[in-house]
Amino acid sequence: DFISDNKKIFQTRRDLVVSMLNQATGLSCPTP
């Protein structure tokens, strides 16, 4: 069960990073 809990944390981090990188000048980041 802890795997699904960790996945939720990772997904939140992924969404944060993708959003912030796509706001950076000159960068383009797909959502994996």
Full PDB file with SEQRES, HELIX, SHEET, SSBOND, CRYST1, ORIGX, SCALE, CONECT and MASTER records, all heavy atoms in Angstrom:
SEQRES   1 A   32  ASP PHE ILE SER ASP ASN LYS LYS ILE PHE GLN THR ARG          
SEQRES   2 A   32  ARG ASP LEU VAL VAL SER MET LEU ASN GLN ALA THR GLY          
SEQRES   3 A   32  LEU SER CYS PRO THR PRO                                      
HELIX    1 AA1 PHE A    2  ASN A   22  1                                  21    
CRYST1    1.000    1.000    1.000  90.00  90.00  90.00 P 1           1          
ORIGX1      1.000000  0.000000  0.000000        0.00000                         
ORIGX2      0.000000  1.000000  0.000000        0.00000                         
ORIGX3      0.000000  0.000000  1.000000        0.00000                         
SCALE1      1.000000  0.000000  0.000000        0.00000                         
SCALE2      0.000000  1.000000  0.000000        0.00000                         
SCALE3      0.000000  0.000000  1.000000        0.00000                         
ATOM      1  N   ASP A   1       0.804  -1.219   0.000  1.00  0.00           N  
ATOM      2  CA  ASP A   1       0.000   0.000   0.000  1.00  0.00           C  
ATOM      3  C   ASP A   1       0.840   1.273   0.000  1.00  0.00           C  
ATOM      4  O   ASP A   1       0.409   2.304  -0.531  1.00  0.00           O  
ATOM      5  CB  ASP A   1      -0.952   0.011   1.197  1.00  0.00           C  
ATOM      6  CG  ASP A   1      -0.233  -0.258   2.518  1.00  0.00           C  
ATOM      7  OD1 ASP A   1       0.592  -1.179   2.562  1.00  0.00           O  
ATOM      8  OD2 ASP A   1      -0.484   0.466   3.497  1.00  0.00           O  
ATOM      9  N   PHE A   2       2.045   1.235   0.560  1.00  0.00           N  
ATOM     10  CA  PHE A   2       2.871   2.443   0.625  1.00  0.00           C  
ATOM     11  C   PHE A   2       3.293   2.908  -0.772  1.00  0.00           C  
ATOM     12  O   PHE A   2       3.608   4.077  -0.968  1.00  0.00           O  
ATOM     13  CB  PHE A   2       4.112   2.200   1.491  1.00  0.00           C  
ATOM     14  CG  PHE A   2       5.086   1.231   0.886  1.00  0.00           C  
ATOM     15  CD1 PHE A   2       6.134   1.667   0.098  1.00  0.00           C  
ATOM     16  CD2 PHE A   2       4.941  -0.134   1.093  1.00  0.00           C  
ATOM     17  CE1 PHE A   2       7.013   0.766  -0.478  1.00  0.00           C  
ATOM     18  CE2 PHE A   2       5.819  -1.036   0.532  1.00  0.00           C  
ATOM     19  CZ  PHE A   2       6.864  -0.583  -0.268  1.00  0.00           C  
ATOM     20  N   ILE A   3       3.294   1.986  -1.738  1.00  0.00           N  
ATOM     21  CA  ILE A   3       3.701   2.365  -3.097  1.00  0.00           C  
ATOM     22  C   ILE A   3       2.749   3.409  -3.663  1.00  0.00           C  
ATOM     23  O   ILE A   3       3.179   4.412  -4.251  1.00  0.00           O  
ATOM     24  CB  ILE A   3       3.765   1.123  -4.018  1.00  0.00           C  
ATOM     25  CG1 ILE A   3       4.880   0.181  -3.561  1.00  0.00           C  
ATOM     26  CG2 ILE A   3       3.985   1.540  -5.470  1.00  0.00           C  
ATOM     27  CD1 ILE A   3       4.976  -1.106  -4.363  1.00  0.00           C  
ATOM     28  N   SER A   4       1.447   3.203  -3.482  1.00  0.00           N  
ATOM     29  CA  SER A   4       0.478   4.179  -3.997  1.00  0.00           C  
ATOM     30  C   SER A   4       0.606   5.511  -3.275  1.00  0.00           C  
ATOM     31  O   SER A   4       0.428   6.574  -3.884  1.00  0.00           O  
ATOM     32  CB  SER A   4      -0.947   3.630  -3.879  1.00  0.00           C  
ATOM     33  OG  SER A   4      -1.270   3.362  -2.534  1.00  0.00           O  
ATOM     34  N   ASP A   5       0.931   5.473  -1.990  1.00  0.00           N  
ATOM     35  CA  ASP A   5       1.137   6.724  -1.246  1.00  0.00           C  
ATOM     36  C   ASP A   5       2.347   7.486  -1.807  1.00  0.00           C  
ATOM     37  O   ASP A   5       2.296   8.701  -1.994  1.00  0.00           O  
ATOM     38  CB  ASP A   5       1.355   6.430   0.240  1.00  0.00           C  
ATOM     39  CG  ASP A   5       0.126   5.833   0.916  1.00  0.00           C  
ATOM     40  OD1 ASP A   5      -0.988   6.028   0.391  1.00  0.00           O  
ATOM     41  OD2 ASP A   5       0.278   5.170   1.957  1.00  0.00           O  
ATOM     42  N   ASN A   6       3.428   6.761  -2.049  1.00  0.00           N  
ATOM     43  CA  ASN A   6       4.628   7.400  -2.606  1.00  0.00           C  
ATOM     44  C   ASN A   6       4.371   7.937  -4.013  1.00  0.00           C  
ATOM     45  O   ASN A   6       4.883   8.998  -4.392  1.00  0.00           O  
ATOM     46  CB  ASN A   6       5.792   6.406  -2.636  1.00  0.00           C  
ATOM     47  CG  ASN A   6       6.313   6.091  -1.246  1.00  0.00           C  
ATOM     48  OD1 ASN A   6       5.910   6.707  -0.260  1.00  0.00           O  
ATOM     49  ND2 ASN A   6       7.209   5.122  -1.157  1.00  0.00           N  
ATOM     50  N   LYS A   7       3.581   7.202  -4.797  1.00  0.00           N  
ATOM     51  CA  LYS A   7       3.263   7.642  -6.154  1.00  0.00           C  
ATOM     52  C   LYS A   7       2.536   8.988  -6.143  1.00  0.00           C  
ATOM     53  O   LYS A   7       2.793   9.851  -6.988  1.00  0.00           O  
ATOM     54  CB  LYS A   7       2.392   6.599  -6.853  1.00  0.00           C  
ATOM     55  CG  LYS A   7       3.172   5.422  -7.419  1.00  0.00           C  
ATOM     56  CD  LYS A   7       2.270   4.303  -7.887  1.00  0.00           C  
ATOM     57  CE  LYS A   7       1.257   4.743  -8.908  1.00  0.00           C  
ATOM     58  NZ  LYS A   7       0.488   3.593  -9.447  1.00  0.00           N  
ATOM     59  N   LYS A   8       1.638   9.166  -5.197  1.00  0.00           N  
ATOM     60  CA  LYS A   8       0.914  10.439  -5.106  1.00  0.00           C  
ATOM     61  C   LYS A   8       1.873  11.588  -4.836  1.00  0.00           C  
ATOM     62  O   LYS A   8       1.734  12.681  -5.405  1.00  0.00           O  
ATOM     63  CB  LYS A   8      -0.150  10.359  -4.009  1.00  0.00           C  
ATOM     64  CG  LYS A   8      -1.320   9.437  -4.331  1.00  0.00           C  
ATOM     65  CD  LYS A   8      -2.257   9.296  -3.143  1.00  0.00           C  
ATOM     66  CE  LYS A   8      -3.343   8.277  -3.421  1.00  0.00           C  
ATOM     67  NZ  LYS A   8      -4.194   8.025  -2.215  1.00  0.00           N  
ATOM     68  N   ILE A   9       2.856  11.333  -3.973  1.00  0.00           N  
ATOM     69  CA  ILE A   9       3.861  12.370  -3.679  1.00  0.00           C  
ATOM     70  C   ILE A   9       4.678  12.682  -4.920  1.00  0.00           C  
ATOM     71  O   ILE A   9       4.903  13.846  -5.276  1.00  0.00           O  
ATOM     72  CB  ILE A   9       4.769  11.916  -2.520  1.00  0.00           C  
ATOM     73  CG1 ILE A   9       3.952  11.773  -1.237  1.00  0.00           C  
ATOM     74  CG2 ILE A   9       5.933  12.886  -2.322  1.00  0.00           C  
ATOM     75  CD1 ILE A   9       4.696  11.111  -0.086  1.00  0.00           C  
ATOM     76  N   PHE A  10       5.124  11.629  -5.619  1.00  0.00           N  
ATOM     77  CA  PHE A  10       5.908  11.835  -6.836  1.00  0.00           C  
ATOM     78  C   PHE A  10       5.101  12.580  -7.899  1.00  0.00           C  
ATOM     79  O   PHE A  10       5.626  13.445  -8.604  1.00  0.00           O  
ATOM     80  CB  PHE A  10       6.384  10.488  -7.397  1.00  0.00           C  
ATOM     81  CG  PHE A  10       7.659   9.983  -6.783  1.00  0.00           C  
ATOM     82  CD1 PHE A  10       7.784   8.647  -6.427  1.00  0.00           C  
ATOM     83  CD2 PHE A  10       8.749  10.821  -6.577  1.00  0.00           C  
ATOM     84  CE1 PHE A  10       8.963   8.160  -5.874  1.00  0.00           C  
ATOM     85  CE2 PHE A  10       9.926  10.346  -6.013  1.00  0.00           C  
ATOM     86  CZ  PHE A  10      10.039   9.021  -5.673  1.00  0.00           C  
ATOM     87  N   GLN A  11       3.822  12.238  -8.039  1.00  0.00           N  
ATOM     88  CA  GLN A  11       3.007  12.894  -9.058  1.00  0.00           C  
ATOM     89  C   GLN A  11       2.852  14.388  -8.763  1.00  0.00           C  
ATOM     90  O   GLN A  11       2.914  15.220  -9.678  1.00  0.00           O  
ATOM     91  CB  GLN A  11       1.631  12.234  -9.166  1.00  0.00           C  
ATOM     92  CG  GLN A  11       0.772  12.840 -10.271  1.00  0.00           C  
ATOM     93  CD  GLN A  11      -0.467  12.018 -10.569  1.00  0.00           C  
ATOM     94  OE1 GLN A  11      -0.550  10.841 -10.220  1.00  0.00           O  
ATOM     95  NE2 GLN A  11      -1.445  12.625 -11.232  1.00  0.00           N  
ATOM     96  N   THR A  12       2.667  14.724  -7.491  1.00  0.00           N  
ATOM     97  CA  THR A  12       2.580  16.139  -7.111  1.00  0.00           C  
ATOM     98  C   THR A  12       3.874  16.869  -7.463  1.00  0.00           C  
ATOM     99  O   THR A  12       3.865  17.988  -7.987  1.00  0.00           O  
ATOM    100  CB  THR A  12       2.297  16.266  -5.604  1.00  0.00           C  
ATOM    101  OG1 THR A  12       1.036  15.662  -5.312  1.00  0.00           O  
ATOM    102  CG2 THR A  12       2.254  17.721  -5.173  1.00  0.00           C  
ATOM    103  N   ARG A  13       5.010  16.220  -7.189  1.00  0.00           N  
ATOM    104  CA  ARG A  13       6.302  16.818  -7.509  1.00  0.00           C  
ATOM    105  C   ARG A  13       6.482  16.974  -9.020  1.00  0.00           C  
ATOM    106  O   ARG A  13       6.975  17.997  -9.497  1.00  0.00           O  
ATOM    107  CB  ARG A  13       7.426  15.958  -6.941  1.00  0.00           C  
ATOM    108  CG  ARG A  13       7.474  15.910  -5.434  1.00  0.00           C  
ATOM    109  CD  ARG A  13       8.489  14.876  -4.975  1.00  0.00           C  
ATOM    110  NE  ARG A  13       8.647  14.835  -3.529  1.00  0.00           N  
ATOM    111  CZ  ARG A  13       9.435  13.988  -2.888  1.00  0.00           C  
ATOM    112  NH1 ARG A  13      10.147  13.096  -3.575  1.00  0.00           N  
ATOM    113  NH2 ARG A  13       9.511  13.998  -1.574  1.00  0.00           N  
ATOM    114  N   ARG A  14       6.096  15.917  -9.760  1.00  0.00           N  
ATOM    115  CA  ARG A  14       6.195  16.000 -11.219  1.00  0.00           C  
ATOM    116  C   ARG A  14       5.421  17.196 -11.750  1.00  0.00           C  
ATOM    117  O   ARG A  14       5.928  17.985 -12.570  1.00  0.00           O  
ATOM    118  CB  ARG A  14       5.650  14.711 -11.847  1.00  0.00           C  
ATOM    119  CG  ARG A  14       5.680  14.722 -13.371  1.00  0.00           C  
ATOM    120  CD  ARG A  14       4.715  13.719 -13.966  1.00  0.00           C  
ATOM    121  NE  ARG A  14       3.320  14.064 -13.686  1.00  0.00           N  
ATOM    122  CZ  ARG A  14       2.271  13.414 -14.173  1.00  0.00           C  
ATOM    123  NH1 ARG A  14       2.453  12.357 -14.944  1.00  0.00           N  
ATOM    124  NH2 ARG A  14       1.043  13.790 -13.875  1.00  0.00           N  
ATOM    125  N   ASP A  15       4.185  17.336 -11.301  1.00  0.00           N  
ATOM    126  CA  ASP A  15       3.340  18.425 -11.803  1.00  0.00           C  
ATOM    127  C   ASP A  15       3.924  19.790 -11.451  1.00  0.00           C  
ATOM    128  O   ASP A  15       3.877  20.727 -12.258  1.00  0.00           O  
ATOM    129  CB  ASP A  15       1.929  18.287 -11.242  1.00  0.00           C  
ATOM    130  CG  ASP A  15       1.210  17.037 -11.751  1.00  0.00           C  
ATOM    131  OD1 ASP A  15       1.684  16.454 -12.750  1.00  0.00           O  
ATOM    132  OD2 ASP A  15       0.186  16.649 -11.142  1.00  0.00           O  
ATOM    133  N   LEU A  16       4.500  19.907 -10.257  1.00  0.00           N  
ATOM    134  CA  LEU A  16       5.136  21.160  -9.842  1.00  0.00           C  
ATOM    135  C   LEU A  16       6.299  21.501 -10.758  1.00  0.00           C  
ATOM    136  O   LEU A  16       6.403  22.625 -11.266  1.00  0.00           O  
ATOM    137  CB  LEU A  16       5.626  21.033  -8.396  1.00  0.00           C  
ATOM    138  CG  LEU A  16       6.561  22.144  -7.887  1.00  0.00           C  
ATOM    139  CD1 LEU A  16       5.784  23.436  -7.720  1.00  0.00           C  
ATOM    140  CD2 LEU A  16       7.219  21.738  -6.564  1.00  0.00           C  
ATOM    141  N   VAL A  17       7.181  20.528 -10.986  1.00  0.00           N  
ATOM    142  CA  VAL A  17       8.385  20.769 -11.771  1.00  0.00           C  
ATOM    143  C   VAL A  17       8.042  21.074 -13.228  1.00  0.00           C  
ATOM    144  O   VAL A  17       8.583  22.020 -13.821  1.00  0.00           O  
ATOM    145  CB  VAL A  17       9.337  19.551 -11.669  1.00  0.00           C  
ATOM    146  CG1 VAL A  17      10.487  19.670 -12.658  1.00  0.00           C  
ATOM    147  CG2 VAL A  17       9.868  19.432 -10.251  1.00  0.00           C  
ATOM    148  N   VAL A  18       7.145  20.298 -13.827  1.00  0.00           N  
ATOM    149  CA  VAL A  18       6.771  20.530 -15.224  1.00  0.00           C  
ATOM    150  C   VAL A  18       6.180  21.927 -15.391  1.00  0.00           C  
ATOM    151  O   VAL A  18       6.516  22.661 -16.330  1.00  0.00           O  
ATOM    152  CB  VAL A  18       5.780  19.449 -15.710  1.00  0.00           C  
ATOM    153  CG1 VAL A  18       5.184  19.832 -17.065  1.00  0.00           C  
ATOM    154  CG2 VAL A  18       6.476  18.100 -15.815  1.00  0.00           C  
ATOM    155  N   SER A  19       5.307  22.307 -14.474  1.00  0.00           N  
ATOM    156  CA  SER A  19       4.679  23.627 -14.551  1.00  0.00           C  
ATOM    157  C   SER A  19       5.714  24.750 -14.452  1.00  0.00           C  
ATOM    158  O   SER A  19       5.711  25.685 -15.261  1.00  0.00           O  
ATOM    159  CB  SER A  19       3.637  23.777 -13.435  1.00  0.00           C  
ATOM    160  OG  SER A  19       3.118  25.086 -13.405  1.00  0.00           O  
ATOM    161  N   MET A  20       6.610  24.646 -13.489  1.00  0.00           N  
ATOM    162  CA  MET A  20       7.585  25.720 -13.282  1.00  0.00           C  
ATOM    163  C   MET A  20       8.623  25.779 -14.413  1.00  0.00           C  
ATOM    164  O   MET A  20       9.048  26.868 -14.808  1.00  0.00           O  
ATOM    165  CB  MET A  20       8.269  25.560 -11.927  1.00  0.00           C  
ATOM    166  CG  MET A  20       7.345  25.788 -10.750  1.00  0.00           C  
ATOM    167  SD  MET A  20       8.195  25.843  -9.144  1.00  0.00           S  
ATOM    168  CE  MET A  20       9.040  27.432  -9.240  1.00  0.00           C  
ATOM    169  N   LEU A  21       9.019  24.628 -14.942  1.00  0.00           N  
ATOM    170  CA  LEU A  21       9.996  24.635 -16.033  1.00  0.00           C  
ATOM    171  C   LEU A  21       9.383  25.203 -17.305  1.00  0.00           C  
ATOM    172  O   LEU A  21      10.064  25.908 -18.071  1.00  0.00           O  
ATOM    173  CB  LEU A  21      10.525  23.224 -16.286  1.00  0.00           C  
ATOM    174  CG  LEU A  21      11.411  22.639 -15.200  1.00  0.00           C  
ATOM    175  CD1 LEU A  21      11.832  21.218 -15.564  1.00  0.00           C  
ATOM    176  CD2 LEU A  21      12.650  23.494 -14.950  1.00  0.00           C  
ATOM    177  N   ASN A  22       8.120  24.922 -17.538  1.00  0.00           N  
ATOM    178  CA  ASN A  22       7.472  25.463 -18.734  1.00  0.00           C  
ATOM    179  C   ASN A  22       7.220  26.965 -18.627  1.00  0.00           C  
ATOM    180  O   ASN A  22       6.907  27.613 -19.633  1.00  0.00           O  
ATOM    181  CB  ASN A  22       6.167  24.712 -19.022  1.00  0.00           C  
ATOM    182  CG  ASN A  22       6.419  23.403 -19.747  1.00  0.00           C  
ATOM    183  OD1 ASN A  22       7.308  23.308 -20.586  1.00  0.00           O  
ATOM    184  ND2 ASN A  22       5.629  22.376 -19.426  1.00  0.00           N  
ATOM    185  N   GLN A  23       7.378  27.520 -17.432  1.00  0.00           N  
ATOM    186  CA  GLN A  23       7.294  28.973 -17.261  1.00  0.00           C  
ATOM    187  C   GLN A  23       8.655  29.653 -17.412  1.00  0.00           C  
ATOM    188  O   GLN A  23       8.745  30.875 -17.389  1.00  0.00           O  
ATOM    189  CB  GLN A  23       6.716  29.297 -15.883  1.00  0.00           C  
ATOM    190  CG  GLN A  23       5.267  28.854 -15.684  1.00  0.00           C  
ATOM    191  CD  GLN A  23       4.816  29.040 -14.243  1.00  0.00           C  
ATOM    192  OE1 GLN A  23       4.956  30.117 -13.668  1.00  0.00           O  
ATOM    193  NE2 GLN A  23       4.269  27.988 -13.643  1.00  0.00           N  
ATOM    194  N   ALA A  24       9.705  28.844 -17.575  1.00  0.00           N  
ATOM    195  CA  ALA A  24      11.056  29.394 -17.708  1.00  0.00           C  
ATOM    196  C   ALA A  24      11.338  29.758 -19.159  1.00  0.00           C  
ATOM    197  O   ALA A  24      10.990  29.020 -20.084  1.00  0.00           O  
ATOM    198  CB  ALA A  24      12.085  28.377 -17.214  1.00  0.00           C  
ATOM    199  N   THR A  25      11.996  30.878 -19.361  1.00  0.00           N  
ATOM    200  CA  THR A  25      12.338  31.340 -20.704  1.00  0.00           C  
ATOM    201  C   THR A  25      13.232  30.327 -21.416  1.00  0.00           C  
ATOM    202  O   THR A  25      14.257  29.900 -20.879  1.00  0.00           O  
ATOM    203  CB  THR A  25      13.084  32.688 -20.631  1.00  0.00           C  
ATOM    204  OG1 THR A  25      12.272  33.623 -19.926  1.00  0.00           O  
ATOM    205  CG2 THR A  25      13.406  33.218 -22.022  1.00  0.00           C  
ATOM    206  N   GLY A  26      12.818  29.903 -22.606  1.00  0.00           N  
ATOM    207  CA  GLY A  26      13.660  29.048 -23.433  1.00  0.00           C  
ATOM    208  C   GLY A  26      13.572  27.566 -23.153  1.00  0.00           C  
ATOM    209  O   GLY A  26      14.243  26.775 -23.826  1.00  0.00           O  
ATOM    210  N   LEU A  27      12.760  27.155 -22.175  1.00  0.00           N  
ATOM    211  CA  LEU A  27      12.639  25.732 -21.855  1.00  0.00           C  
ATOM    212  C   LEU A  27      11.281  25.192 -22.308  1.00  0.00           C  
ATOM    213  O   LEU A  27      10.281  25.919 -22.328  1.00  0.00           O  
ATOM    214  CB  LEU A  27      12.788  25.488 -20.349  1.00  0.00           C  
ATOM    215  CG  LEU A  27      14.094  25.912 -19.692  1.00  0.00           C  
ATOM    216  CD1 LEU A  27      14.115  25.474 -18.231  1.00  0.00           C  
ATOM    217  CD2 LEU A  27      15.307  25.365 -20.434  1.00  0.00           C  
ATOM    218  N   SER A  28      11.263  23.908 -22.653  1.00  0.00           N  
ATOM    219  CA  SER A  28      10.028  23.222 -23.002  1.00  0.00           C  
ATOM    220  C   SER A  28      10.075  21.841 -22.374  1.00  0.00           C  
ATOM    221  O   SER A  28      11.004  21.066 -22.629  1.00  0.00           O  
ATOM    222  CB  SER A  28       9.892  23.101 -24.524  1.00  0.00           C  
ATOM    223  OG  SER A  28       8.749  22.339 -24.858  1.00  0.00           O  
ATOM    224  N   CYS A  29       9.062  21.521 -21.549  1.00  0.00           N  
ATOM    225  CA  CYS A  29       9.111  20.280 -20.772  1.00  0.00           C  
ATOM    226  C   CYS A  29       7.818  19.476 -20.928  1.00  0.00           C  
ATOM    227  O   CYS A  29       6.761  19.903 -20.464  1.00  0.00           O  
ATOM    228  CB  CYS A  29       9.334  20.597 -19.290  1.00  0.00           C  
ATOM    229  SG  CYS A  29       9.550  19.126 -18.265  1.00  0.00           S  
ATOM    230  N   PRO A  30       7.889  18.309 -21.574  1.00  0.00           N  
ATOM    231  CA  PRO A  30       6.696  17.455 -21.648  1.00  0.00           C  
ATOM    232  C   PRO A  30       6.378  16.837 -20.292  1.00  0.00           C  
ATOM    233  O   PRO A  30       7.242  16.771 -19.410  1.00  0.00           O  
ATOM    234  CB  PRO A  30       7.100  16.379 -22.667  1.00  0.00           C  
ATOM    235  CG  PRO A  30       8.584  16.335 -22.615  1.00  0.00           C  
ATOM    236  CD  PRO A  30       9.049  17.716 -22.258  1.00  0.00           C  
ATOM    237  N   THR A  31       5.148  16.370 -20.130  1.00  0.00           N  
ATOM    238  CA  THR A  31       4.726  15.724 -18.891  1.00  0.00           C  
ATOM    239  C   THR A  31       4.883  14.217 -19.027  1.00  0.00           C  
ATOM    240  O   THR A  31       4.160  13.583 -19.806  1.00  0.00           O  
ATOM    241  CB  THR A  31       3.264  16.058 -18.565  1.00  0.00           C  
ATOM    242  OG1 THR A  31       3.110  17.475 -18.466  1.00  0.00           O  
ATOM    243  CG2 THR A  31       2.838  15.411 -17.252  1.00  0.00           C  
ATOM    244  N   PRO A  32       5.822  13.614 -18.308  1.00  0.00           N  
ATOM    245  CA  PRO A  32       6.050  12.169 -18.448  1.00  0.00           C  
ATOM    246  C   PRO A  32       5.013  11.353 -17.686  1.00  0.00           C  
ATOM    247  O   PRO A  32       4.391  11.838 -16.741  1.00  0.00           O  
ATOM    248  CB  PRO A  32       7.446  11.974 -17.841  1.00  0.00           C  
ATOM    249  CG  PRO A  32       7.552  13.072 -16.822  1.00  0.00           C  
ATOM    250  CD  PRO A  32       6.776  14.233 -17.365  1.00  0.00           C  
TER     251      PRO A  32                                                      
MASTER        0    0    0    1    0    0    0    6  250    1    0    3          
END                                                                             
